[in-house]
Amino acid sequence: MLDFSDLNNKNAVITGGGGVLCWSFARALARKKVNVALLDLDGEKARDRAVFLAEEFGVKTIGLQCDVLSEEQLKKAKQKINLHLGSIHILVNGAGGNVAAATTDLEQFSSTAAADAETKTFYDLPLKAFKDTFDLNFIGTLVPTQVLSADMAKEQKGVIINISSMNAFKPLTKIPAYSAAKASVSNFTEWLAVHLAPAGIRVNAIAPGFFLTEQLRFLAFDKDGNFTPRYQRVIGKTPMRRLGEPDELQGTLLYLSSDISSFVTGVVIPVDGGFNASSGV
């Protein structure tokens, strides 16, 4: 049946559950009667949102403070999730993001600008900032998968959904660490899909394009409410001529979570208003 009824009473874990996109994911799953565990560095936000989901949708929930780079914290979280919800059936690796210090000031290198001590070029990027960004996005996908998908391997069925990005297809200027990390997430998604197929675990990824989130409003709009020059170019490169809304990712999430996509594994699905398909000319 093509109604997502197979999701009823499944248990899902969402890392980065305090983020805008992951909050939309959580509501989409809870609406289909999926029990949800939210993991986030901000434990209070995770717990508050878990309470909301339980009250709004009548599902079992739990919100936990957890660092996705800590195997120890993840193992403790899994114990609590198993005790409160049961086995984990769906894992959404949503934790990620860019680190400001791993961002260049210019889109392209300039010898003149490089002579200015105040201008940060590729050669000025701190290794720690690059590593922090890469670890958050890639290692922050790898370690939770190792820990939280163990139930799926035992039960020979499960779904892992990673969050890639348009940066994995076409790296954006200024953010080399984030772009490299998301490309790694896409590659890892394909590798893991092949590796875990005999265990009945499907592994796919969603690659969001440009979405209107609270974190990006200051980058997207100027003080008069108009798109900044950078985002004017984004809109110009997006055939649908707008930014996406977070809830527009829900359909793809539910599709990949459900047995509706039972023969789909190892794919990275762009949800980008046509951004990846467009050459700009």
C-alpha atoms as a PDB file:
ATOM      1  CA  MET A   1       0.000   0.000   0.000  1.00  0.00           C
ATOM      2  CA  LEU A   2       1.263   3.430  -0.928  1.00  0.00           C
ATOM      3  CA  ASP A   3       0.206   5.208   2.233  1.00  0.00           C
ATOM      4  CA  PHE A   4       3.267   4.901   4.499  1.00  0.00           C
ATOM      5  CA  SER A   5       1.239   2.690   6.858  1.00  0.00           C
ATOM      6  CA  ASP A   6       4.273   0.412   7.271  1.00  0.00           C
ATOM      7  CA  LEU A   7       5.919   3.215   9.270  1.00  0.00           C
ATOM      8  CA  ASN A   8       3.345   2.961  12.048  1.00  0.00           C
ATOM      9  CA  ASN A   9       5.026   2.218  15.402  1.00  0.00           C
ATOM     10  CA  LYS A  10       8.542   2.112  13.944  1.00  0.00           C
ATOM     11  CA  ASN A  11      11.292   3.742  16.005  1.00  0.00           C
ATOM     12  CA  ALA A  12      13.455   6.461  14.471  1.00  0.00           C
ATOM     13  CA  VAL A  13      16.522   8.290  15.740  1.00  0.00           C
ATOM     14  CA  ILE A  14      17.380  11.725  14.382  1.00  0.00           C
ATOM     15  CA  THR A  15      20.777  13.220  15.173  1.00  0.00           C
ATOM     16  CA  GLY A  16      21.001  17.004  15.119  1.00  0.00           C
ATOM     17  CA  GLY A  17      17.353  16.983  16.164  1.00  0.00           C
ATOM     18  CA  GLY A  18      17.526  20.605  17.298  1.00  0.00           C
ATOM     19  CA  GLY A  19      18.123  21.885  13.764  1.00  0.00           C
ATOM     20  CA  VAL A  20      15.473  23.392  11.497  1.00  0.00           C
ATOM     21  CA  LEU A  21      15.538  20.676   8.829  1.00  0.00           C
ATOM     22  CA  CYS A  22      15.734  17.839  11.350  1.00  0.00           C
ATOM     23  CA  TRP A  23      12.806  19.292  13.267  1.00  0.00           C
ATOM     24  CA  SER A  24      10.792  19.093  10.063  1.00  0.00           C
ATOM     25  CA  PHE A  25      11.944  15.480   9.638  1.00  0.00           C
ATOM     26  CA  ALA A  26      10.831  14.672  13.182  1.00  0.00           C
ATOM     27  CA  ARG A  27       7.358  16.105  12.669  1.00  0.00           C
ATOM     28  CA  ALA A  28       6.944  14.254   9.376  1.00  0.00           C
ATOM     29  CA  LEU A  29       7.788  10.910  10.957  1.00  0.00           C
ATOM     30  CA  ALA A  30       5.728  11.508  14.096  1.00  0.00           C
ATOM     31  CA  ARG A  31       2.747  12.441  11.937  1.00  0.00           C
ATOM     32  CA  LYS A  32       2.991   8.936  10.451  1.00  0.00           C
ATOM     33  CA  LYS A  33       3.012   7.481  13.984  1.00  0.00           C
ATOM     34  CA  VAL A  34       6.736   6.812  14.127  1.00  0.00           C
ATOM     35  CA  ASN A  35       8.215   6.942  17.620  1.00  0.00           C
ATOM     36  CA  VAL A  36      11.073   9.435  17.617  1.00  0.00           C
ATOM     37  CA  ALA A  37      14.328   9.898  19.535  1.00  0.00           C
ATOM     38  CA  LEU A  38      15.972  13.290  19.105  1.00  0.00           C
ATOM     39  CA  LEU A  39      19.700  13.623  19.779  1.00  0.00           C
ATOM     40  CA  ASP A  40      21.346  17.030  19.932  1.00  0.00           C
ATOM     41  CA  LEU A  41      24.175  18.878  21.668  1.00  0.00           C
ATOM     42  CA  ASP A  42      21.442  21.084  23.115  1.00  0.00           C
ATOM     43  CA  GLY A  43      19.756  18.548  25.362  1.00  0.00           C
ATOM     44  CA  GLU A  44      17.101  20.957  26.587  1.00  0.00           C
ATOM     45  CA  LYS A  45      15.937  21.707  23.051  1.00  0.00           C
ATOM     46  CA  ALA A  46      15.892  17.979  22.224  1.00  0.00           C
ATOM     47  CA  ARG A  47      13.802  17.218  25.313  1.00  0.00           C
ATOM     48  CA  ASP A  48      11.370  20.102  24.702  1.00  0.00           C
ATOM     49  CA  ARG A  49      10.807  19.023  21.130  1.00  0.00           C
ATOM     50  CA  ALA A  50      10.344  15.400  22.166  1.00  0.00           C
ATOM     51  CA  VAL A  51       7.611  16.499  24.583  1.00  0.00           C
ATOM     52  CA  PHE A  52       5.910  18.488  21.814  1.00  0.00           C
ATOM     53  CA  LEU A  53       5.928  15.507  19.440  1.00  0.00           C
ATOM     54  CA  ALA A  54       4.442  13.225  22.071  1.00  0.00           C
ATOM     55  CA  GLU A  55       1.656  15.676  22.895  1.00  0.00           C
ATOM     56  CA  GLU A  56       0.933  16.681  19.299  1.00  0.00           C
ATOM     57  CA  PHE A  57       1.043  13.276  17.602  1.00  0.00           C
ATOM     58  CA  GLY A  58       0.541  10.748  20.386  1.00  0.00           C
ATOM     59  CA  VAL A  59       3.787   8.869  19.773  1.00  0.00           C
ATOM     60  CA  LYS A  60       6.529   7.740  22.140  1.00  0.00           C
ATOM     61  CA  THR A  61       9.491  10.089  22.153  1.00  0.00           C
ATOM     62  CA  ILE A  62      12.733  10.800  23.951  1.00  0.00           C
ATOM     63  CA  GLY A  63      15.103  13.760  23.699  1.00  0.00           C
ATOM     64  CA  LEU A  64      18.725  13.357  24.704  1.00  0.00           C
ATOM     65  CA  GLN A  65      21.852  15.473  24.879  1.00  0.00           C
ATOM     66  CA  CYS A  66      24.486  13.733  22.775  1.00  0.00           C
ATOM     67  CA  ASP A  67      27.674  14.554  20.899  1.00  0.00           C
ATOM     68  CA  VAL A  68      27.687  12.590  17.647  1.00  0.00           C
ATOM     69  CA  LEU A  69      31.490  12.484  17.743  1.00  0.00           C
ATOM     70  CA  SER A  70      31.489  10.638  21.065  1.00  0.00           C
ATOM     71  CA  GLU A  71      31.131   6.879  20.776  1.00  0.00           C
ATOM     72  CA  GLU A  72      30.643   6.669  24.543  1.00  0.00           C
ATOM     73  CA  GLN A  73      27.784   9.178  24.556  1.00  0.00           C
ATOM     74  CA  LEU A  74      26.148   7.475  21.581  1.00  0.00           C
ATOM     75  CA  LYS A  75      26.274   4.089  23.280  1.00  0.00           C
ATOM     76  CA  LYS A  76      24.674   5.528  26.415  1.00  0.00           C
ATOM     77  CA  ALA A  77      22.022   7.213  24.290  1.00  0.00           C
ATOM     78  CA  LYS A  78      21.293   3.948  22.498  1.00  0.00           C
ATOM     79  CA  GLN A  79      20.762   2.164  25.799  1.00  0.00           C
ATOM     80  CA  LYS A  80      18.211   4.789  26.841  1.00  0.00           C
ATOM     81  CA  ILE A  81      16.495   4.683  23.440  1.00  0.00           C
ATOM     82  CA  ASN A  82      16.257   0.888  23.502  1.00  0.00           C
ATOM     83  CA  LEU A  83      14.849   1.000  27.033  1.00  0.00           C
ATOM     84  CA  HIS A  84      12.305   3.729  26.224  1.00  0.00           C
ATOM     85  CA  LEU A  85      11.327   2.927  22.631  1.00  0.00           C
ATOM     86  CA  GLY A  86      12.772  -0.481  21.726  1.00  0.00           C
ATOM     87  CA  SER A  87      14.895  -1.423  18.725  1.00  0.00           C
ATOM     88  CA  ILE A  88      15.934   1.285  16.285  1.00  0.00           C
ATOM     89  CA  HIS A  89      14.434   0.861  12.802  1.00  0.00           C
ATOM     90  CA  ILE A  90      15.279   4.176  11.132  1.00  0.00           C
ATOM     91  CA  LEU A  91      18.362   6.362  11.558  1.00  0.00           C
ATOM     92  CA  VAL A  92      18.517   9.888  10.155  1.00  0.00           C
ATOM     93  CA  ASN A  93      22.037  11.312  10.356  1.00  0.00           C
ATOM     94  CA  GLY A  94      21.086  14.967  10.444  1.00  0.00           C
ATOM     95  CA  ALA A  95      23.879  16.471  12.539  1.00  0.00           C
ATOM     96  CA  GLY A  96      26.185  18.720  10.530  1.00  0.00           C
ATOM     97  CA  GLY A  97      26.955  22.253   9.453  1.00  0.00           C
ATOM     98  CA  ASN A  98      29.745  24.595   8.469  1.00  0.00           C
ATOM     99  CA  VAL A  99      32.295  26.110  10.834  1.00  0.00           C
ATOM    100  CA  ALA A 100      32.785  29.826  10.193  1.00  0.00           C
ATOM    101  CA  ALA A 101      36.552  29.645  10.718  1.00  0.00           C
ATOM    102  CA  ALA A 102      36.799  27.164   7.818  1.00  0.00           C
ATOM    103  CA  THR A 103      35.390  29.735   5.381  1.00  0.00           C
ATOM    104  CA  THR A 104      37.424  31.916   3.025  1.00  0.00           C
ATOM    105  CA  ASP A 105      36.631  35.603   2.615  1.00  0.00           C
ATOM    106  CA  LEU A 106      36.941  35.533  -1.177  1.00  0.00           C
ATOM    107  CA  GLU A 107      35.334  33.265  -3.742  1.00  0.00           C
ATOM    108  CA  GLN A 108      38.546  33.109  -5.790  1.00  0.00           C
ATOM    109  CA  PHE A 109      42.164  33.643  -4.854  1.00  0.00           C
ATOM    110  CA  SER A 110      43.619  37.097  -5.368  1.00  0.00           C
ATOM    111  CA  SER A 111      47.302  37.905  -4.918  1.00  0.00           C
ATOM    112  CA  THR A 112      46.394  41.460  -4.029  1.00  0.00           C
ATOM    113  CA  ALA A 113      43.928  40.354  -1.371  1.00  0.00           C
ATOM    114  CA  ALA A 114      46.369  37.740  -0.096  1.00  0.00           C
ATOM    115  CA  ALA A 115      48.752  40.546   0.779  1.00  0.00           C
ATOM    116  CA  ASP A 116      46.103  41.961   3.093  1.00  0.00           C
ATOM    117  CA  ALA A 117      46.503  40.398   6.516  1.00  0.00           C
ATOM    118  CA  GLU A 118      42.796  40.951   7.204  1.00  0.00           C
ATOM    119  CA  THR A 119      41.664  38.845   4.226  1.00  0.00           C
ATOM    120  CA  LYS A 120      41.433  35.095   4.789  1.00  0.00           C
ATOM    121  CA  THR A 121      42.324  33.003   1.751  1.00  0.00           C
ATOM    122  CA  PHE A 122      42.636  29.241   1.356  1.00  0.00           C
ATOM    123  CA  TYR A 123      46.198  29.484   2.672  1.00  0.00           C
ATOM    124  CA  ASP A 124      44.978  31.032   5.900  1.00  0.00           C
ATOM    125  CA  LEU A 125      42.392  28.379   6.808  1.00  0.00           C
ATOM    126  CA  PRO A 126      43.268  26.855  10.202  1.00  0.00           C
ATOM    127  CA  LEU A 127      43.708  23.104  10.051  1.00  0.00           C
ATOM    128  CA  LYS A 128      41.644  22.725  13.217  1.00  0.00           C
ATOM    129  CA  ALA A 129      38.683  24.560  11.686  1.00  0.00           C
ATOM    130  CA  PHE A 130      38.875  22.409   8.546  1.00  0.00           C
ATOM    131  CA  LYS A 131      39.097  19.270  10.661  1.00  0.00           C
ATOM    132  CA  ASP A 132      36.236  20.361  12.939  1.00  0.00           C
ATOM    133  CA  THR A 133      33.974  20.888   9.930  1.00  0.00           C
ATOM    134  CA  PHE A 134      34.946  17.591   8.329  1.00  0.00           C
ATOM    135  CA  ASP A 135      34.556  15.677  11.568  1.00  0.00           C
ATOM    136  CA  LEU A 136      31.138  17.135  12.368  1.00  0.00           C
ATOM    137  CA  ASN A 137      29.711  16.223   8.976  1.00  0.00           C
ATOM    138  CA  PHE A 138      31.492  12.995   8.042  1.00  0.00           C
ATOM    139  CA  ILE A 139      32.701  11.437  11.297  1.00  0.00           C
ATOM    140  CA  GLY A 140      29.416  12.680  12.782  1.00  0.00           C
ATOM    141  CA  THR A 141      27.697  10.415  10.264  1.00  0.00           C
ATOM    142  CA  LEU A 142      30.087   7.483  10.549  1.00  0.00           C
ATOM    143  CA  VAL A 143      30.139   7.017  14.343  1.00  0.00           C
ATOM    144  CA  PRO A 144      26.352   7.283  14.918  1.00  0.00           C
ATOM    145  CA  THR A 145      25.836   4.765  12.121  1.00  0.00           C
ATOM    146  CA  GLN A 146      28.235   2.289  13.702  1.00  0.00           C
ATOM    147  CA  VAL A 147      26.514   2.567  17.068  1.00  0.00           C
ATOM    148  CA  LEU A 148      22.857   3.199  16.294  1.00  0.00           C
ATOM    149  CA  SER A 149      22.302   0.817  13.370  1.00  0.00           C
ATOM    150  CA  ALA A 150      23.421  -2.275  15.338  1.00  0.00           C
ATOM    151  CA  ASP A 151      19.794  -3.262  16.014  1.00  0.00           C
ATOM    152  CA  MET A 152      19.088  -3.243  12.273  1.00  0.00           C
ATOM    153  CA  ALA A 153      21.958  -5.623  11.566  1.00  0.00           C
ATOM    154  CA  LYS A 154      20.651  -8.055  14.184  1.00  0.00           C
ATOM    155  CA  GLU A 155      17.075  -7.881  12.931  1.00  0.00           C
ATOM    156  CA  GLN A 156      18.105  -7.939   9.238  1.00  0.00           C
ATOM    157  CA  LYS A 157      16.032  -4.892   8.347  1.00  0.00           C
ATOM    158  CA  GLY A 158      16.397  -1.154   8.653  1.00  0.00           C
ATOM    159  CA  VAL A 159      16.846   2.216   7.006  1.00  0.00           C
ATOM    160  CA  ILE A 160      19.701   4.701   7.243  1.00  0.00           C
ATOM    161  CA  ILE A 161      19.244   8.160   5.739  1.00  0.00           C
ATOM    162  CA  ASN A 162      22.244  10.466   5.548  1.00  0.00           C
ATOM    163  CA  ILE A 163      22.103  14.177   4.826  1.00  0.00           C
ATOM    164  CA  SER A 164      24.393  15.222   2.002  1.00  0.00           C
ATOM    165  CA  SER A 165      24.212  18.566   0.181  1.00  0.00           C
ATOM    166  CA  MET A 166      24.371  20.257  -3.187  1.00  0.00           C
ATOM    167  CA  ASN A 167      27.977  20.926  -2.194  1.00  0.00           C
ATOM    168  CA  ALA A 168      28.656  17.246  -2.814  1.00  0.00           C
ATOM    169  CA  PHE A 169      27.661  17.673  -6.475  1.00  0.00           C
ATOM    170  CA  LYS A 170      29.025  21.146  -7.120  1.00  0.00           C
ATOM    171  CA  PRO A 171      31.241  22.624  -4.395  1.00  0.00           C
ATOM    172  CA  LEU A 172      30.277  26.133  -3.441  1.00  0.00           C
ATOM    173  CA  THR A 173      32.857  28.873  -3.158  1.00  0.00           C
ATOM    174  CA  LYS A 174      34.232  29.866   0.255  1.00  0.00           C
ATOM    175  CA  ILE A 175      33.388  26.616   2.098  1.00  0.00           C
ATOM    176  CA  PRO A 176      35.902  23.931   1.026  1.00  0.00           C
ATOM    177  CA  ALA A 177      35.759  21.914   4.257  1.00  0.00           C
ATOM    178  CA  TYR A 178      31.964  21.610   4.239  1.00  0.00           C
ATOM    179  CA  SER A 179      31.942  20.736   0.536  1.00  0.00           C
ATOM    180  CA  ALA A 180      34.587  18.041   0.973  1.00  0.00           C
ATOM    181  CA  ALA A 181      32.802  16.583   3.980  1.00  0.00           C
ATOM    182  CA  LYS A 182      29.445  16.343   2.222  1.00  0.00           C
ATOM    183  CA  ALA A 183      31.083  14.721  -0.814  1.00  0.00           C
ATOM    184  CA  SER A 184      32.459  12.155   1.627  1.00  0.00           C
ATOM    185  CA  VAL A 185      28.974  11.591   3.045  1.00  0.00           C
ATOM    186  CA  SER A 186      27.638  10.861  -0.444  1.00  0.00           C
ATOM    187  CA  ASN A 187      30.453   8.445  -1.228  1.00  0.00           C
ATOM    188  CA  PHE A 188      30.080   6.754   2.159  1.00  0.00           C
ATOM    189  CA  THR A 189      26.341   6.380   1.545  1.00  0.00           C
ATOM    190  CA  GLU A 190      27.003   4.403  -1.619  1.00  0.00           C
ATOM    191  CA  TRP A 191      29.717   2.282  -0.011  1.00  0.00           C
ATOM    192  CA  LEU A 192      27.616   1.474   3.033  1.00  0.00           C
ATOM    193  CA  ALA A 193      24.573   0.611   0.906  1.00  0.00           C
ATOM    194  CA  VAL A 194      26.587  -2.076  -0.864  1.00  0.00           C
ATOM    195  CA  HIS A 195      28.158  -3.337   2.353  1.00  0.00           C
ATOM    196  CA  LEU A 196      24.911  -3.597   4.333  1.00  0.00           C
ATOM    197  CA  ALA A 197      22.596  -4.848   1.588  1.00  0.00           C
ATOM    198  CA  PRO A 198      22.987  -8.504   2.724  1.00  0.00           C
ATOM    199  CA  ALA A 199      21.902  -7.405   6.212  1.00  0.00           C
ATOM    200  CA  GLY A 200      18.618  -6.027   4.855  1.00  0.00           C
ATOM    201  CA  ILE A 201      19.621  -2.437   5.598  1.00  0.00           C
ATOM    202  CA  ARG A 202      18.956   0.232   2.983  1.00  0.00           C
ATOM    203  CA  VAL A 203      21.230   3.289   2.986  1.00  0.00           C
ATOM    204  CA  ASN A 204      20.372   6.443   1.066  1.00  0.00           C
ATOM    205  CA  ALA A 205      20.922  10.175   1.333  1.00  0.00           C
ATOM    206  CA  ILE A 206      19.047  13.401   0.770  1.00  0.00           C
ATOM    207  CA  ALA A 207      20.971  16.307  -0.771  1.00  0.00           C
ATOM    208  CA  PRO A 208      19.138  19.541   0.047  1.00  0.00           C
ATOM    209  CA  GLY A 209      19.655  22.561  -2.124  1.00  0.00           C
ATOM    210  CA  PHE A 210      19.135  26.053  -0.702  1.00  0.00           C
ATOM    211  CA  PHE A 211      16.488  26.156   2.002  1.00  0.00           C
ATOM    212  CA  LEU A 212      15.033  29.071   3.906  1.00  0.00           C
ATOM    213  CA  THR A 213      16.073  28.381   7.489  1.00  0.00           C
ATOM    214  CA  GLU A 214      16.449  30.809  10.366  1.00  0.00           C
ATOM    215  CA  GLN A 215      20.212  30.222  10.402  1.00  0.00           C
ATOM    216  CA  LEU A 216      20.538  31.373   6.797  1.00  0.00           C
ATOM    217  CA  ARG A 217      18.247  34.382   6.803  1.00  0.00           C
ATOM    218  CA  PHE A 218      21.098  36.788   7.574  1.00  0.00           C
ATOM    219  CA  LEU A 219      23.036  35.416   4.602  1.00  0.00           C
ATOM    220  CA  ALA A 220      20.070  35.371   2.234  1.00  0.00           C
ATOM    221  CA  PHE A 221      18.506  38.778   2.913  1.00  0.00           C
ATOM    222  CA  ASP A 222      19.794  42.290   3.425  1.00  0.00           C
ATOM    223  CA  LYS A 223      18.340  44.746   5.953  1.00  0.00           C
ATOM    224  CA  ASP A 224      15.643  45.764   3.445  1.00  0.00           C
ATOM    225  CA  GLY A 225      14.445  42.183   2.978  1.00  0.00           C
ATOM    226  CA  ASN A 226      15.980  41.772  -0.478  1.00  0.00           C
ATOM    227  CA  PHE A 227      18.202  38.873  -1.500  1.00  0.00           C
ATOM    228  CA  THR A 228      21.905  39.534  -1.020  1.00  0.00           C
ATOM    229  CA  PRO A 229      24.044  39.464  -4.205  1.00  0.00           C
ATOM    230  CA  ARG A 230      25.216  35.906  -3.425  1.00  0.00           C
ATOM    231  CA  TYR A 231      21.663  34.656  -3.002  1.00  0.00           C
ATOM    232  CA  GLN A 232      20.501  36.516  -6.072  1.00  0.00           C
ATOM    233  CA  ARG A 233      22.920  34.276  -7.946  1.00  0.00           C
ATOM    234  CA  VAL A 234      21.551  31.232  -6.083  1.00  0.00           C
ATOM    235  CA  ILE A 235      18.007  32.073  -7.136  1.00  0.00           C
ATOM    236  CA  GLY A 236      19.190  32.751 -10.673  1.00  0.00           C
ATOM    237  CA  LYS A 237      20.793  29.290 -10.806  1.00  0.00           C
ATOM    238  CA  THR A 238      17.693  27.583  -9.380  1.00  0.00           C
ATOM    239  CA  PRO A 239      15.144  26.895 -12.138  1.00  0.00           C
ATOM    240  CA  MET A 240      12.230  27.158  -9.709  1.00  0.00           C
ATOM    241  CA  ARG A 241      13.484  30.685  -8.831  1.00  0.00           C
ATOM    242  CA  ARG A 242      13.032  30.387  -5.075  1.00  0.00           C
ATOM    243  CA  LEU A 243      14.466  28.854  -1.933  1.00  0.00           C
ATOM    244  CA  GLY A 244      13.014  25.659  -0.558  1.00  0.00           C
ATOM    245  CA  GLU A 245      10.931  25.442   2.605  1.00  0.00           C
ATOM    246  CA  PRO A 246      12.073  22.873   5.203  1.00  0.00           C
ATOM    247  CA  ASP A 247       8.839  20.893   4.993  1.00  0.00           C
ATOM    248  CA  GLU A 248       9.469  20.310   1.279  1.00  0.00           C
ATOM    249  CA  LEU A 249      12.033  17.696   2.324  1.00  0.00           C
ATOM    250  CA  GLN A 250       9.431  15.625   4.141  1.00  0.00           C
ATOM    251  CA  GLY A 251       8.136  13.708   1.128  1.00  0.00           C
ATOM    252  CA  THR A 252      11.593  12.453   0.202  1.00  0.00           C
ATOM    253  CA  LEU A 253      12.310  11.513   3.812  1.00  0.00           C
ATOM    254  CA  LEU A 254       9.091   9.496   4.130  1.00  0.00           C
ATOM    255  CA  TYR A 255       9.669   7.810   0.773  1.00  0.00           C
ATOM    256  CA  LEU A 256      13.145   6.651   1.762  1.00  0.00           C
ATOM    257  CA  SER A 257      11.998   5.624   5.258  1.00  0.00           C
ATOM    258  CA  SER A 258       9.110   3.511   4.016  1.00  0.00           C
ATOM    259  CA  ASP A 259       8.956   0.133   2.322  1.00  0.00           C
ATOM    260  CA  ILE A 260       7.532   2.059  -0.618  1.00  0.00           C
ATOM    261  CA  SER A 261      11.198   2.434  -1.602  1.00  0.00           C
ATOM    262  CA  SER A 262      12.103  -1.160  -0.674  1.00  0.00           C
ATOM    263  CA  PHE A 263      14.292  -1.651  -3.784  1.00  0.00           C
ATOM    264  CA  VAL A 264      16.046   1.716  -3.448  1.00  0.00           C
ATOM    265  CA  THR A 265      19.482   1.817  -1.847  1.00  0.00           C
ATOM    266  CA  GLY A 266      22.740   3.646  -2.465  1.00  0.00           C
ATOM    267  CA  VAL A 267      21.175   6.766  -3.973  1.00  0.00           C
ATOM    268  CA  VAL A 268      21.647  10.450  -3.170  1.00  0.00           C
ATOM    269  CA  ILE A 269      18.475  12.354  -4.019  1.00  0.00           C
ATOM    270  CA  PRO A 270      18.749  16.094  -4.728  1.00  0.00           C
ATOM    271  CA  VAL A 271      15.869  18.179  -3.392  1.00  0.00           C
ATOM    272  CA  ASP A 272      16.945  21.471  -4.852  1.00  0.00           C
ATOM    273  CA  GLY A 273      14.406  23.085  -7.165  1.00  0.00           C
ATOM    274  CA  GLY A 274      16.479  21.968 -10.158  1.00  0.00           C
ATOM    275  CA  PHE A 275      19.740  23.582  -9.001  1.00  0.00           C
ATOM    276  CA  ASN A 276      21.872  20.533  -9.800  1.00  0.00           C
ATOM    277  CA  ALA A 277      20.309  20.033 -13.214  1.00  0.00           C
ATOM    278  CA  SER A 278      20.848  23.606 -14.369  1.00  0.00           C
ATOM    279  CA  SER A 279      23.950  24.761 -16.265  1.00  0.00           C
ATOM    280  CA  GLY A 280      22.880  28.371 -15.878  1.00  0.00           C
ATOM    281  CA  VAL A 281      22.711  28.947 -19.627  1.00  0.00           C
END
